[in-house]
Amino acid sequence: MKPVVRRWLWVGVSAVVVALVIYHVSQGSEWRNFSWGRVWASITNANPAYLLAAVAVTYSSYVVRAYRWGFFLEPIKKASLRVLFTGQILGFSAIYLLGRPGEIVRPGYIAQRESVSYTSMAAVWLLERIYDTIFIALLFSASLFLVPLHVAPEQARSVLSGAHTVSLLTLLGTAIFVVFLVVLRLRADTMKLRTPWLLRFLPQRQQHHLERFLRSFADGLGVIRSWKDLWASVASTALLWVINVSVFWLVFRSMGGDVGRLSWMAAALALFSGILGMMVQLPGIGGGFQVVVIKVMTDFLGISLVEAAGTSIMIWIMLVFPCVALGVVLLVHEGLSVRKLEKIVEEEEAQLKDKL
């Protein structure tokens, strides 16, 4: 399937899902007294000092991401931090503007600028996803245990019990996943040799794709060569997610009122919900992100609908506008356009297919 067709198909599916979720949420009784004027007032009255701090912290997250990519890429090549930082900004700008299909921009841009294979960059991207998934799961589990949930009295017991069960299952699943990664890292060479035999029951095409995925998976883990490497990668990832949660918390503080009194761990819960919402977002608009954050803030954190709506919109602004604004500047500086970025990726993918 061509990238353009795939992108528009994804946009269509996302639009349908977002529309259904919005319709479901809007059936609540609180929406009858909802006022966009009050939402706008809550946004315009936000404390600018906290918002400026949120912008600065947002930019620092891309510096940490660039450093981590450089660390993961080091066994292949010592890359320029400037190129890696530019790749992070352009990549996330593409995600915000194009949706999930924009994910391929980061590895494609860095692969071409650093003259390394797209396969190696895809392996780095996959390793980054692994680390992020583990830390997101840990934050989610901790927030369910530590954040006071505000739900209706008749639902409180079942909701709290369900939340703690989900938290424990998430921790258990994360532990199993980490053990799998350790085994895969220690047995990577053996796994590579045995993969074709293990996948022999699959059709040839699926076998080929899954084998390639597992090889990239193992290659990505190959950058962890010692305990020092492991702790360095863990520390940089932990710092990154502390920064990401802090962006949400700073926006909470800027809004004041009940939102301003929410804890840092409540911001972690909102962050997790926002990540889920971003799986179905409309390019440049979001939609899923805002709706899911609003739902969590109103149903579990005890925030009014107007305050939750204003906060979700402000968080989206703090995440998207600083990144896209700098992304536009870097596109001009690099003499690029979104279409040229797509072309870079298409060329890398074509070369990869030729090799295979």
Protein backbone atom coordinates (compact mmCIF):
# COMPACT_ATOMS: atom_id res chain seq x y z
CA MET A 1 0.00 0.00 0.00
CA LYS A 2 1.37 3.43 -0.95
CA PRO A 3 2.30 5.76 1.94
CA VAL A 4 -0.25 8.40 0.84
CA VAL A 5 -3.08 5.85 0.72
CA ARG A 6 -2.03 4.40 4.06
CA ARG A 7 -1.96 7.86 5.64
CA TRP A 8 -5.44 8.82 4.45
CA LEU A 9 -6.82 5.46 5.49
CA TRP A 10 -5.41 6.02 8.96
CA VAL A 11 -6.88 9.55 9.07
CA GLY A 12 -10.29 8.18 8.08
CA VAL A 13 -10.25 5.47 10.74
CA SER A 14 -9.06 7.98 13.36
CA ALA A 15 -11.80 10.45 12.42
CA VAL A 16 -14.51 7.79 12.84
CA VAL A 17 -13.14 6.62 16.21
CA VAL A 18 -12.73 10.19 17.52
CA ALA A 19 -16.26 11.10 16.38
CA LEU A 20 -17.73 8.06 18.15
CA VAL A 21 -15.84 8.81 21.37
CA ILE A 22 -16.88 12.48 21.31
CA TYR A 23 -20.50 11.49 20.74
CA HIS A 24 -20.40 9.06 23.66
CA VAL A 25 -18.78 11.58 26.01
CA SER A 26 -21.16 14.39 24.98
CA GLN A 27 -24.16 12.37 26.17
CA GLY A 28 -23.22 13.08 29.80
CA SER A 29 -25.43 15.41 31.84
CA GLU A 30 -22.60 17.90 32.50
CA TRP A 31 -22.38 18.73 28.78
CA ARG A 32 -25.81 20.36 28.88
CA ASN A 33 -24.38 23.29 30.85
CA PHE A 34 -21.08 23.31 28.99
CA SER A 35 -19.78 26.71 27.87
CA TRP A 36 -16.93 27.23 25.40
CA GLY A 37 -16.72 30.81 26.66
CA ARG A 38 -15.75 29.57 30.12
CA VAL A 39 -13.23 27.19 28.56
CA TRP A 40 -11.66 30.06 26.65
CA ALA A 41 -11.56 32.15 29.84
CA SER A 42 -9.73 29.35 31.69
CA ILE A 43 -7.16 29.17 28.88
CA THR A 44 -6.55 32.93 28.64
CA ASN A 45 -6.23 33.24 32.42
CA ALA A 46 -3.48 30.62 32.64
CA ASN A 47 -0.31 31.72 34.45
CA PRO A 48 2.25 32.64 31.72
CA ALA A 49 5.26 31.90 33.96
CA TYR A 50 4.28 28.26 34.30
CA LEU A 51 3.52 28.05 30.57
CA LEU A 52 6.95 29.43 29.66
CA ALA A 53 8.49 26.86 32.00
CA ALA A 54 6.43 24.15 30.27
CA VAL A 55 7.75 25.27 26.86
CA ALA A 56 11.35 25.17 28.12
CA VAL A 57 10.83 21.73 29.63
CA THR A 58 9.21 20.52 26.39
CA TYR A 59 12.29 21.53 24.39
CA SER A 60 14.57 19.87 26.95
CA SER A 61 12.77 16.56 26.33
CA TYR A 62 13.95 16.60 22.70
CA VAL A 63 17.53 17.22 23.86
CA VAL A 64 17.32 14.15 26.09
CA ARG A 65 15.78 12.13 23.25
CA ALA A 66 18.63 13.20 20.95
CA TYR A 67 21.23 12.21 23.56
CA ARG A 68 19.55 8.81 23.99
CA TRP A 69 19.48 8.21 20.22
CA GLY A 70 23.17 9.10 20.09
CA PHE A 71 23.86 6.56 22.82
CA PHE A 72 21.87 3.84 21.04
CA LEU A 73 23.55 4.68 17.74
CA GLU A 74 27.09 4.79 19.17
CA PRO A 75 28.01 1.14 18.35
CA ILE A 76 27.33 1.95 14.69
CA LYS A 77 28.53 5.54 14.46
CA LYS A 78 29.14 8.55 16.69
CA ALA A 79 26.39 10.83 15.44
CA SER A 80 26.08 14.61 15.62
CA LEU A 81 23.88 15.76 18.50
CA ARG A 82 22.62 18.60 16.28
CA VAL A 83 21.46 16.16 13.59
CA LEU A 84 19.83 13.94 16.19
CA PHE A 85 18.06 16.90 17.82
CA THR A 86 16.85 18.13 14.44
CA GLY A 87 15.63 14.62 13.67
CA GLN A 88 13.62 14.53 16.91
CA ILE A 89 11.96 17.89 16.23
CA LEU A 90 11.16 17.09 12.58
CA GLY A 91 9.97 13.60 13.50
CA PHE A 92 7.57 14.70 16.21
CA SER A 93 6.38 17.63 14.09
CA ALA A 94 5.51 15.08 11.40
CA ILE A 95 3.59 12.97 13.95
CA TYR A 96 1.58 15.99 15.11
CA LEU A 97 0.85 17.12 11.54
CA LEU A 98 0.49 13.77 9.75
CA GLY A 99 -0.57 11.44 12.55
CA ARG A 100 1.10 8.10 13.28
CA PRO A 101 2.41 7.65 9.68
CA GLY A 102 4.82 10.49 10.57
CA GLU A 103 6.72 8.07 12.84
CA ILE A 104 8.92 7.03 9.91
CA VAL A 105 10.34 10.54 9.45
CA ARG A 106 12.77 10.38 12.39
CA PRO A 107 14.66 7.21 11.44
CA GLY A 108 14.55 8.15 7.73
CA TYR A 109 15.96 11.66 8.25
CA ILE A 110 18.72 10.56 10.65
CA ALA A 111 19.65 7.59 8.42
CA GLN A 112 20.24 9.87 5.44
CA ARG A 113 22.00 12.67 7.32
CA GLU A 114 24.35 10.30 9.15
CA SER A 115 24.85 7.98 6.15
CA VAL A 116 23.75 4.88 8.02
CA SER A 117 21.25 2.23 6.98
CA TYR A 118 17.55 2.71 7.51
CA THR A 119 17.49 -0.77 9.08
CA SER A 120 19.82 0.34 11.87
CA MET A 121 17.72 3.44 12.52
CA ALA A 122 14.56 1.35 12.61
CA ALA A 123 16.27 -0.85 15.21
CA VAL A 124 17.12 2.22 17.31
CA TRP A 125 13.55 3.47 16.98
CA LEU A 126 12.27 0.07 18.10
CA LEU A 127 14.60 0.03 21.11
CA GLU A 128 13.40 3.53 22.05
CA ARG A 129 9.79 2.27 21.92
CA ILE A 130 10.70 -0.65 24.21
CA TYR A 131 12.23 1.59 26.86
CA ASP A 132 9.40 4.10 26.65
CA THR A 133 6.73 1.41 26.91
CA ILE A 134 8.32 0.01 30.07
CA PHE A 135 8.55 3.40 31.77
CA ILE A 136 5.04 4.43 30.72
CA ALA A 137 3.69 1.19 32.20
CA LEU A 138 5.57 1.82 35.46
CA LEU A 139 4.27 5.40 35.68
CA PHE A 140 0.74 4.24 34.99
CA SER A 141 0.91 1.56 37.68
CA ALA A 142 2.37 3.95 40.25
CA SER A 143 -0.22 6.65 39.49
CA LEU A 144 -3.13 4.20 39.95
CA PHE A 145 -1.80 3.31 43.40
CA LEU A 146 -0.81 6.80 44.57
CA VAL A 147 -3.38 9.19 43.05
CA PRO A 148 -6.63 9.68 45.03
CA LEU A 149 -9.41 8.81 42.55
CA HIS A 150 -12.60 10.88 42.80
CA VAL A 151 -15.53 8.74 41.69
CA ALA A 152 -19.17 8.43 42.69
CA PRO A 153 -19.56 6.71 46.12
CA GLU A 154 -21.53 3.79 44.67
CA GLN A 155 -18.73 3.16 42.16
CA ALA A 156 -15.77 3.91 44.42
CA ARG A 157 -15.10 0.41 45.74
CA SER A 158 -15.31 -1.34 42.37
CA VAL A 159 -13.30 1.40 40.60
CA LEU A 160 -10.52 1.38 43.21
CA SER A 161 -10.39 -2.42 43.21
CA GLY A 162 -10.28 -2.46 39.41
CA ALA A 163 -7.58 0.22 39.34
CA HIS A 164 -5.36 -1.71 41.74
CA THR A 165 -5.92 -4.93 39.78
CA VAL A 166 -4.97 -3.20 36.51
CA SER A 167 -1.92 -1.71 38.22
CA LEU A 168 -0.73 -5.11 39.47
CA LEU A 169 -1.36 -6.76 36.09
CA THR A 170 0.55 -3.96 34.36
CA LEU A 171 3.51 -4.42 36.71
CA LEU A 172 3.41 -8.18 36.18
CA GLY A 173 3.22 -7.80 32.40
CA THR A 174 6.09 -5.30 32.47
CA ALA A 175 8.24 -7.67 34.57
CA ILE A 176 7.59 -10.55 32.14
CA PHE A 177 8.43 -8.28 29.21
CA VAL A 178 11.72 -7.19 30.85
CA VAL A 179 12.67 -10.83 31.49
CA PHE A 180 11.94 -11.62 27.84
CA LEU A 181 14.19 -8.74 26.75
CA VAL A 182 17.02 -9.92 29.01
CA VAL A 183 16.78 -13.47 27.64
CA LEU A 184 16.64 -12.16 24.08
CA ARG A 185 19.68 -9.96 24.71
CA LEU A 186 21.70 -12.84 26.19
CA ARG A 187 20.60 -15.32 23.52
CA ALA A 188 20.39 -12.97 20.55
CA ASP A 189 22.75 -14.95 18.31
CA THR A 190 20.99 -18.24 19.04
CA MET A 191 17.58 -16.65 18.46
CA LYS A 192 18.67 -15.27 15.09
CA LEU A 193 19.76 -18.74 13.97
CA ARG A 194 16.64 -20.49 15.25
CA THR A 195 14.09 -17.88 14.15
CA PRO A 196 13.47 -19.40 10.66
CA TRP A 197 12.86 -22.81 12.24
CA LEU A 198 10.55 -21.40 14.93
CA LEU A 199 8.47 -19.52 12.34
CA ARG A 200 8.28 -22.34 9.78
CA PHE A 201 4.54 -22.87 10.39
CA LEU A 202 3.69 -19.37 9.07
CA PRO A 203 3.04 -18.47 5.41
CA GLN A 204 6.21 -17.38 3.63
CA ARG A 205 5.30 -13.67 3.50
CA GLN A 206 4.33 -13.39 7.19
CA GLN A 207 7.36 -15.48 8.13
CA HIS A 208 9.64 -13.11 6.24
CA HIS A 209 8.19 -9.95 7.87
CA LEU A 210 8.18 -11.38 11.38
CA GLU A 211 11.72 -12.69 11.01
CA ARG A 212 12.91 -9.27 9.86
CA PHE A 213 11.12 -7.64 12.81
CA LEU A 214 12.71 -10.01 15.34
CA ARG A 215 16.16 -9.50 13.83
CA SER A 216 15.75 -5.71 14.12
CA PHE A 217 14.54 -6.24 17.67
CA ALA A 218 17.67 -8.22 18.54
CA ASP A 219 19.95 -5.77 16.72
CA GLY A 220 18.44 -2.90 18.69
CA LEU A 221 19.10 -4.65 21.98
CA GLY A 222 22.69 -5.20 20.84
CA VAL A 223 23.67 -1.66 21.86
CA ILE A 224 23.39 -2.72 25.52
CA ARG A 225 26.87 -4.15 25.87
CA SER A 226 27.50 -3.83 29.63
CA TRP A 227 25.87 -2.91 32.93
CA LYS A 228 27.16 0.63 32.42
CA ASP A 229 25.32 0.83 29.09
CA LEU A 230 22.18 -0.54 30.70
CA TRP A 231 22.16 2.00 33.53
CA ALA A 232 22.96 4.87 31.17
CA SER A 233 20.03 3.98 28.93
CA VAL A 234 17.70 3.49 31.91
CA ALA A 235 18.76 6.80 33.48
CA SER A 236 18.24 8.79 30.27
CA THR A 237 14.80 7.21 29.77
CA ALA A 238 13.80 7.88 33.38
CA LEU A 239 14.88 11.51 33.02
CA LEU A 240 12.91 11.83 29.79
CA TRP A 241 9.66 10.65 31.37
CA VAL A 242 10.15 12.79 34.46
CA ILE A 243 10.42 15.71 32.04
CA ASN A 244 7.34 14.63 30.07
CA VAL A 245 5.19 14.33 33.19
CA SER A 246 6.51 17.68 34.41
CA VAL A 247 5.17 19.38 31.27
CA PHE A 248 1.67 18.21 32.20
CA TRP A 249 2.16 19.22 35.85
CA LEU A 250 3.36 22.71 34.90
CA VAL A 251 0.27 23.17 32.74
CA PHE A 252 -1.84 22.01 35.69
CA ARG A 253 -0.18 24.64 37.88
CA SER A 254 -0.73 27.33 35.25
CA MET A 255 -4.50 26.68 35.18
CA GLY A 256 -4.95 27.26 38.92
CA GLY A 257 -8.09 26.25 40.81
CA ASP A 258 -8.74 22.55 41.39
CA VAL A 259 -6.47 21.65 38.46
CA GLY A 260 -3.56 23.58 39.98
CA ARG A 261 -3.78 21.49 43.14
CA LEU A 262 -3.39 18.17 41.35
CA SER A 263 -0.23 16.22 42.16
CA TRP A 264 2.67 15.29 39.92
CA MET A 265 1.46 11.68 39.92
CA ALA A 266 -1.98 12.88 38.76
CA ALA A 267 -0.14 14.49 35.85
CA ALA A 268 1.42 11.05 35.14
CA LEU A 269 -2.07 9.52 34.96
CA ALA A 270 -3.19 12.28 32.57
CA LEU A 271 -0.05 11.72 30.47
CA PHE A 272 -0.80 8.02 30.13
CA SER A 273 -4.38 8.75 29.07
CA GLY A 274 -3.14 11.32 26.55
CA ILE A 275 -0.78 8.76 25.01
CA LEU A 276 -3.70 6.37 24.56
CA GLY A 277 -5.72 9.15 22.93
CA MET A 278 -2.91 9.95 20.50
CA MET A 279 -3.29 6.50 18.94
CA VAL A 280 -6.36 7.89 17.16
CA GLN A 281 -5.70 11.53 16.41
CA LEU A 282 -6.57 13.81 13.53
CA PRO A 283 -3.50 15.42 11.92
CA GLY A 284 -2.81 18.84 13.43
CA ILE A 285 -5.92 18.69 15.62
CA GLY A 286 -5.59 15.75 17.97
CA GLY A 287 -9.10 14.98 19.09
CA GLY A 288 -8.50 11.62 20.70
CA PHE A 289 -5.84 13.13 22.98
CA GLN A 290 -8.10 15.87 24.30
CA VAL A 291 -11.18 13.67 24.74
CA VAL A 292 -9.38 10.95 26.73
CA VAL A 293 -7.59 13.48 28.96
CA ILE A 294 -10.92 15.22 29.66
CA LYS A 295 -12.56 11.88 30.48
CA VAL A 296 -9.84 10.90 32.96
CA MET A 297 -9.77 14.33 34.62
CA THR A 298 -13.54 14.48 35.09
CA ASP A 299 -14.25 10.84 35.96
CA PHE A 300 -11.19 10.02 38.10
CA LEU A 301 -9.56 13.28 39.26
CA GLY A 302 -12.72 15.16 40.22
CA ILE A 303 -12.19 18.12 37.87
CA SER A 304 -15.13 19.99 36.34
CA LEU A 305 -15.77 19.56 32.63
CA VAL A 306 -14.93 23.18 31.79
CA GLU A 307 -11.61 23.07 33.67
CA ALA A 308 -10.73 19.69 32.19
CA ALA A 309 -11.50 20.86 28.64
CA GLY A 310 -9.40 24.00 29.02
CA THR A 311 -6.52 22.03 30.53
CA SER A 312 -6.53 19.35 27.82
CA ILE A 313 -6.45 22.00 25.10
CA MET A 314 -3.64 23.89 26.84
CA ILE A 315 -1.57 20.71 27.22
CA TRP A 316 -2.03 19.97 23.50
CA ILE A 317 -0.89 23.51 22.67
CA MET A 318 2.20 23.15 24.88
CA LEU A 319 3.12 19.85 23.24
CA VAL A 320 2.42 20.73 19.61
CA PHE A 321 3.14 24.41 18.99
CA PRO A 322 6.71 24.65 20.38
CA CYS A 323 7.72 21.54 18.44
CA VAL A 324 6.00 22.46 15.15
CA ALA A 325 7.19 26.10 15.31
CA LEU A 326 10.82 25.02 15.69
CA GLY A 327 10.21 22.26 13.13
CA VAL A 328 9.17 24.83 10.52
CA VAL A 329 12.32 26.88 11.22
CA LEU A 330 14.49 23.77 10.88
CA LEU A 331 12.72 22.72 7.67
CA VAL A 332 13.52 26.10 6.14
CA HIS A 333 17.10 25.97 7.43
CA GLU A 334 17.58 22.45 6.04
CA GLY A 335 15.94 23.36 2.72
CA LEU A 336 13.34 20.65 3.26
CA SER A 337 9.59 20.22 3.15
CA VAL A 338 7.27 17.54 4.53
CA ARG A 339 7.11 16.02 1.05
CA LYS A 340 10.92 15.89 0.85
CA LEU A 341 11.01 14.18 4.24
CA GLU A 342 8.56 11.58 2.95
CA LYS A 343 10.73 11.10 -0.13
CA ILE A 344 13.77 10.48 2.05
CA VAL A 345 11.91 7.72 3.86
CA GLU A 346 10.54 6.21 0.65
CA GLU A 347 14.07 6.02 -0.80
CA GLU A 348 15.42 4.35 2.33
CA GLU A 349 12.56 1.82 2.38
CA ALA A 350 13.08 1.07 -1.35
CA GLN A 351 16.78 0.39 -0.77
CA LEU A 352 15.89 -1.86 2.15
CA LYS A 353 13.48 -3.88 0.00
CA ASP A 354 16.11 -4.24 -2.71
CA LYS A 355 18.55 -5.72 -0.20
CA LEU A 356 15.92 -8.16 0.96
